[in-house]
């Protein structure tokens, strides 16, 4: 089964700065942990555990999730020579992106837009292990989804139009992402139904065993009474 790529965006503090050694760079927090987000028919939270075993070996930095563009930066194994550094903290994943504003026109334009405050959003594309999602209130009209395992972060983008104040499904991938969420919810409902069926079966088996034990106890009591009556007449 093909894994669905989902994107989430975040309006955050994106800073454009410079230093003498590494030149121009931007910083921001594209992934935020433990904050509920309204996604229409359900709400969602990314848990801090989601990145524990996540594949962050090769992450590109783009603008607007334009995967056909030349990346403005890239993190390879998050080593010190990478042009994008990733840092997972208690509150989310922070990034530092070194931009070549002298030789790359797109990098220079992005740096200027962030410095001017025209771009304040960051986003990321991920592949989620839906089997490890935790759903609650799944029988209500507004269930809750907790993402506990992100298999891979594919890219991080600066975005001009973050849809919500916190994480949100982007329009470009909305249908696939919502289908993915629905598939995850249906899987959770199936597991709940199976658990309930197993509980009912266990309860029925327990009641049957108890009834059988009561029957045997009653039979033994009748036998003992009969033996007593016979003994009294001997």
Protein backbone atom coordinates (compact mmCIF):
# COMPACT_ATOMS: atom_id res chain seq x y z
CA UNK A 1 0.00 0.00 0.00
CA UNK A 2 1.36 3.41 -0.98
CA UNK A 3 2.10 5.65 1.98
CA UNK A 4 0.42 9.05 1.80
CA UNK A 5 2.52 12.18 2.13
CA UNK A 6 0.91 14.70 4.48
CA UNK A 7 1.85 18.32 5.04
CA UNK A 8 1.31 20.53 8.06
CA UNK A 9 2.05 24.24 8.41
CA UNK A 10 2.70 26.50 11.35
CA UNK A 11 2.68 30.25 11.80
CA UNK A 12 5.77 30.73 13.93
CA UNK A 13 8.60 33.11 14.60
CA UNK A 14 10.78 32.83 11.50
CA UNK A 15 13.93 34.87 11.82
CA UNK A 16 16.42 36.02 9.18
CA UNK A 17 19.89 36.65 10.59
CA UNK A 18 23.56 36.73 9.62
CA UNK A 19 26.85 35.88 11.27
CA UNK A 20 30.43 36.33 10.16
CA UNK A 21 31.28 32.65 9.85
CA UNK A 22 28.25 31.11 8.13
CA UNK A 23 26.66 34.12 6.48
CA UNK A 24 22.90 34.51 6.07
CA UNK A 25 20.59 32.04 7.78
CA UNK A 26 16.99 31.64 8.89
CA UNK A 27 15.54 29.81 11.86
CA UNK A 28 12.08 28.53 12.70
CA UNK A 29 10.02 25.67 14.16
CA UNK A 30 8.14 23.74 11.47
CA UNK A 31 7.06 20.90 13.80
CA UNK A 32 5.31 21.64 17.08
CA UNK A 33 4.53 19.01 19.72
CA UNK A 34 1.55 18.54 22.04
CA UNK A 35 -0.72 21.25 20.65
CA UNK A 36 -4.24 20.45 19.50
CA UNK A 37 -5.21 21.68 16.05
CA UNK A 38 -8.71 21.88 14.55
CA UNK A 39 -8.68 20.14 11.16
CA UNK A 40 -12.39 20.40 10.42
CA UNK A 41 -14.00 17.07 11.15
CA UNK A 42 -11.34 16.04 13.67
CA UNK A 43 -8.58 17.54 15.79
CA UNK A 44 -4.97 16.48 15.79
CA UNK A 45 -1.86 16.56 17.94
CA UNK A 46 1.72 15.52 17.18
CA UNK A 47 3.26 13.89 20.19
CA UNK A 48 6.92 14.38 21.13
CA UNK A 49 7.42 10.63 20.67
CA UNK A 50 6.60 10.99 16.98
CA UNK A 51 10.19 11.80 16.02
CA UNK A 52 11.96 9.26 18.23
CA UNK A 53 12.54 6.79 15.40
CA UNK A 54 11.85 9.16 12.51
CA UNK A 55 14.01 9.06 9.38
CA UNK A 56 15.70 12.48 9.24
CA UNK A 57 18.65 11.35 7.16
CA UNK A 58 17.87 13.43 4.09
CA UNK A 59 15.61 16.48 4.46
CA UNK A 60 15.41 19.29 1.93
CA UNK A 61 14.42 22.90 2.44
CA UNK A 62 12.05 24.36 -0.17
CA UNK A 63 9.52 27.13 -0.59
CA UNK A 64 5.84 26.27 -0.84
CA UNK A 65 6.48 22.51 -1.08
CA UNK A 66 7.73 23.00 -4.64
CA UNK A 67 9.50 19.67 -5.06
CA UNK A 68 10.52 20.53 -8.63
CA UNK A 69 12.73 23.41 -7.51
CA UNK A 70 16.40 23.24 -6.62
CA UNK A 71 16.52 22.94 -2.81
CA UNK A 72 17.66 26.08 -1.03
CA UNK A 73 19.31 23.91 1.63
CA UNK A 74 19.58 20.29 2.67
CA UNK A 75 20.22 18.24 5.78
CA UNK A 76 22.18 15.04 5.25
CA UNK A 77 22.33 12.97 8.43
CA UNK A 78 22.11 16.34 10.21
CA UNK A 79 25.90 16.65 10.13
CA UNK A 80 27.69 19.93 10.73
CA UNK A 81 28.48 20.35 7.04
CA UNK A 82 24.82 20.26 6.04
CA UNK A 83 23.28 23.51 4.91
CA UNK A 84 20.26 22.84 7.14
CA UNK A 85 20.55 21.84 10.78
CA UNK A 86 17.71 20.03 12.60
CA UNK A 87 17.23 20.10 16.37
CA UNK A 88 14.52 18.13 18.15
CA UNK A 89 13.56 19.69 21.49
CA UNK A 90 10.82 19.10 24.06
CA UNK A 91 8.48 21.43 22.20
CA UNK A 92 9.16 20.56 18.56
CA UNK A 93 11.73 20.42 15.80
CA UNK A 94 13.73 23.58 15.18
CA UNK A 95 15.72 24.27 12.03
CA UNK A 96 18.55 26.55 11.03
CA UNK A 97 18.94 27.06 7.30
CA UNK A 98 22.05 28.58 5.74
CA UNK A 99 21.11 30.52 2.60
CA UNK A 100 23.39 31.43 -0.27
CA UNK A 101 21.98 34.90 -0.82
CA UNK A 102 24.96 35.96 -2.95
CA UNK A 103 24.66 33.31 -5.66
CA UNK A 104 21.04 32.15 -5.41
CA UNK A 105 18.33 34.62 -6.41
CA UNK A 106 15.54 32.54 -4.82
CA UNK A 107 17.46 32.29 -1.56
CA UNK A 108 18.00 36.04 -1.53
CA UNK A 109 14.30 36.72 -2.22
CA UNK A 110 13.22 34.37 0.56
CA UNK A 111 15.68 35.86 3.04
CA UNK A 112 14.39 39.34 2.23
CA UNK A 113 10.74 38.29 2.59
CA UNK A 114 11.39 36.75 6.00
CA UNK A 115 13.46 39.73 7.16
CA UNK A 116 10.60 42.07 6.13
CA UNK A 117 8.03 39.91 7.93
CA UNK A 118 6.23 39.03 4.69
CA UNK A 119 6.65 35.30 5.31
CA UNK A 120 5.91 34.00 8.80
CA UNK A 121 4.96 30.39 8.14
CA UNK A 122 6.84 27.12 7.96
CA UNK A 123 5.61 23.72 6.91
CA UNK A 124 6.83 20.16 6.54
CA UNK A 125 5.97 17.05 4.56
CA UNK A 126 5.82 13.77 6.42
CA UNK A 127 4.88 10.12 6.15
CA UNK A 128 2.97 8.87 9.19
CA UNK A 129 2.68 5.35 10.56
CA UNK A 130 -1.12 5.35 10.72
CA UNK A 131 -1.18 2.02 12.56
CA UNK A 132 0.34 3.76 15.57
CA UNK A 133 -2.09 6.69 15.63
CA UNK A 134 -4.06 7.03 18.86
CA UNK A 135 -7.71 7.97 18.30
CA UNK A 136 -10.16 8.95 21.03
CA UNK A 137 -13.84 9.91 20.90
CA UNK A 138 -13.96 7.95 17.65
CA UNK A 139 -17.71 7.41 17.89
CA UNK A 140 -18.38 11.14 18.16
CA UNK A 141 -18.69 13.71 15.39
CA UNK A 142 -15.36 15.25 16.38
CA UNK A 143 -12.74 12.57 17.13
CA UNK A 144 -9.17 13.27 18.24
CA UNK A 145 -6.05 11.96 16.53
CA UNK A 146 -2.65 11.76 18.18
CA UNK A 147 0.25 11.14 15.81
CA UNK A 148 2.78 9.11 17.76
CA UNK A 149 5.08 7.92 14.97
CA UNK A 150 6.32 9.87 11.94
CA UNK A 151 8.23 7.49 9.71
CA UNK A 152 9.98 10.14 7.66
CA UNK A 153 10.23 13.90 7.20
CA UNK A 154 10.71 14.49 3.49
CA UNK A 155 11.09 18.25 3.33
CA UNK A 156 10.58 21.53 5.17
CA UNK A 157 9.21 24.63 3.45
CA UNK A 158 8.76 28.31 4.01
CA UNK A 159 5.13 29.07 3.13
CA UNK A 160 3.34 32.31 2.34
CA UNK A 161 -0.15 31.12 3.26
CA UNK A 162 -0.25 28.91 6.34
CA UNK A 163 -3.90 27.92 6.55
CA UNK A 164 -4.19 27.98 10.34
CA UNK A 165 -2.41 29.43 13.32
CA UNK A 166 -1.03 26.03 14.16
CA UNK A 167 -0.58 22.86 12.11
CA UNK A 168 -2.96 22.34 9.20
CA UNK A 169 -3.50 20.27 6.12
CA UNK A 170 -2.40 22.17 3.05
CA UNK A 171 -4.78 22.58 0.12
CA UNK A 172 -2.39 20.90 -2.34
CA UNK A 173 -2.51 17.59 -0.48
CA UNK A 174 -5.80 17.95 1.36
CA UNK A 175 -7.69 15.12 -0.33
CA UNK A 176 -4.95 12.53 0.10
CA UNK A 177 -4.20 13.65 3.66
CA UNK A 178 -7.87 13.57 4.68
CA UNK A 179 -8.25 10.14 3.07
CA UNK A 180 -5.22 9.04 5.05
CA UNK A 181 -6.76 10.36 8.27
CA UNK A 182 -10.06 8.64 7.51
CA UNK A 183 -8.25 5.38 6.80
CA UNK A 184 -6.43 5.72 10.13
CA UNK A 185 -9.74 6.42 11.90
CA UNK A 186 -11.44 3.43 10.27
CA UNK A 187 -8.51 1.26 11.35
CA UNK A 188 -8.91 2.54 14.91
CA UNK A 189 -12.65 1.82 14.81
CA UNK A 190 -11.93 -1.69 13.56
CA UNK A 191 -9.45 -2.28 16.37
CA UNK A 192 -11.98 -0.96 18.90
CA UNK A 193 -14.66 -3.27 17.52
CA UNK A 194 -12.27 -6.22 17.69
CA UNK A 195 -11.29 -5.34 21.26
CA UNK A 196 -14.93 -5.08 22.27
CA UNK A 197 -15.73 -8.39 20.57
CA UNK A 198 -12.81 -10.01 22.37
CA UNK A 199 -13.96 -8.52 25.68
CA UNK A 200 -17.51 -9.74 25.09
CA UNK A 201 -16.22 -13.20 24.19
CA UNK A 202 -14.04 -13.27 27.31
CA UNK A 203 -16.98 -12.09 29.42
CA UNK A 204 -19.24 -14.76 27.91
CA UNK A 205 -16.60 -17.43 28.52
CA UNK A 206 -16.19 -16.24 32.11
CA UNK A 207 -19.93 -16.33 32.70
CA UNK A 208 -20.16 -19.80 31.14
CA UNK A 209 -17.30 -21.02 33.36
CA UNK A 210 -18.97 -19.51 36.41
CA UNK A 211 -22.29 -21.14 35.51
CA UNK A 212 -20.56 -24.49 35.01
CA UNK A 213 -18.81 -24.14 38.35
CA UNK A 214 -22.12 -23.31 40.05
CA UNK A 215 -23.72 -26.35 38.38
CA UNK A 216 -20.93 -28.62 39.58
CA UNK A 217 -21.07 -27.17 43.08
CA UNK A 218 -24.83 -27.73 43.23
CA UNK A 219 -24.43 -31.28 41.94
CA UNK A 220 -21.74 -32.01 44.53
CA UNK A 221 -23.95 -30.55 47.25
CA UNK A 222 -26.85 -32.79 46.19
CA UNK A 223 -24.55 -35.80 46.20
CA UNK A 224 -23.28 -34.97 49.69
CA UNK A 225 -26.88 -34.56 50.92
CA UNK A 226 -27.79 -37.92 49.41
CA UNK A 227 -24.82 -39.59 51.07
CA UNK A 228 -25.83 -38.03 54.39
CA UNK A 229 -29.40 -39.27 54.04
CA UNK A 230 -28.23 -42.80 53.23
CA UNK A 231 -25.85 -42.78 56.16
CA UNK A 232 -28.66 -41.73 58.50
CA UNK A 233 -30.79 -44.69 57.45
CA UNK A 234 -28.06 -47.25 57.81
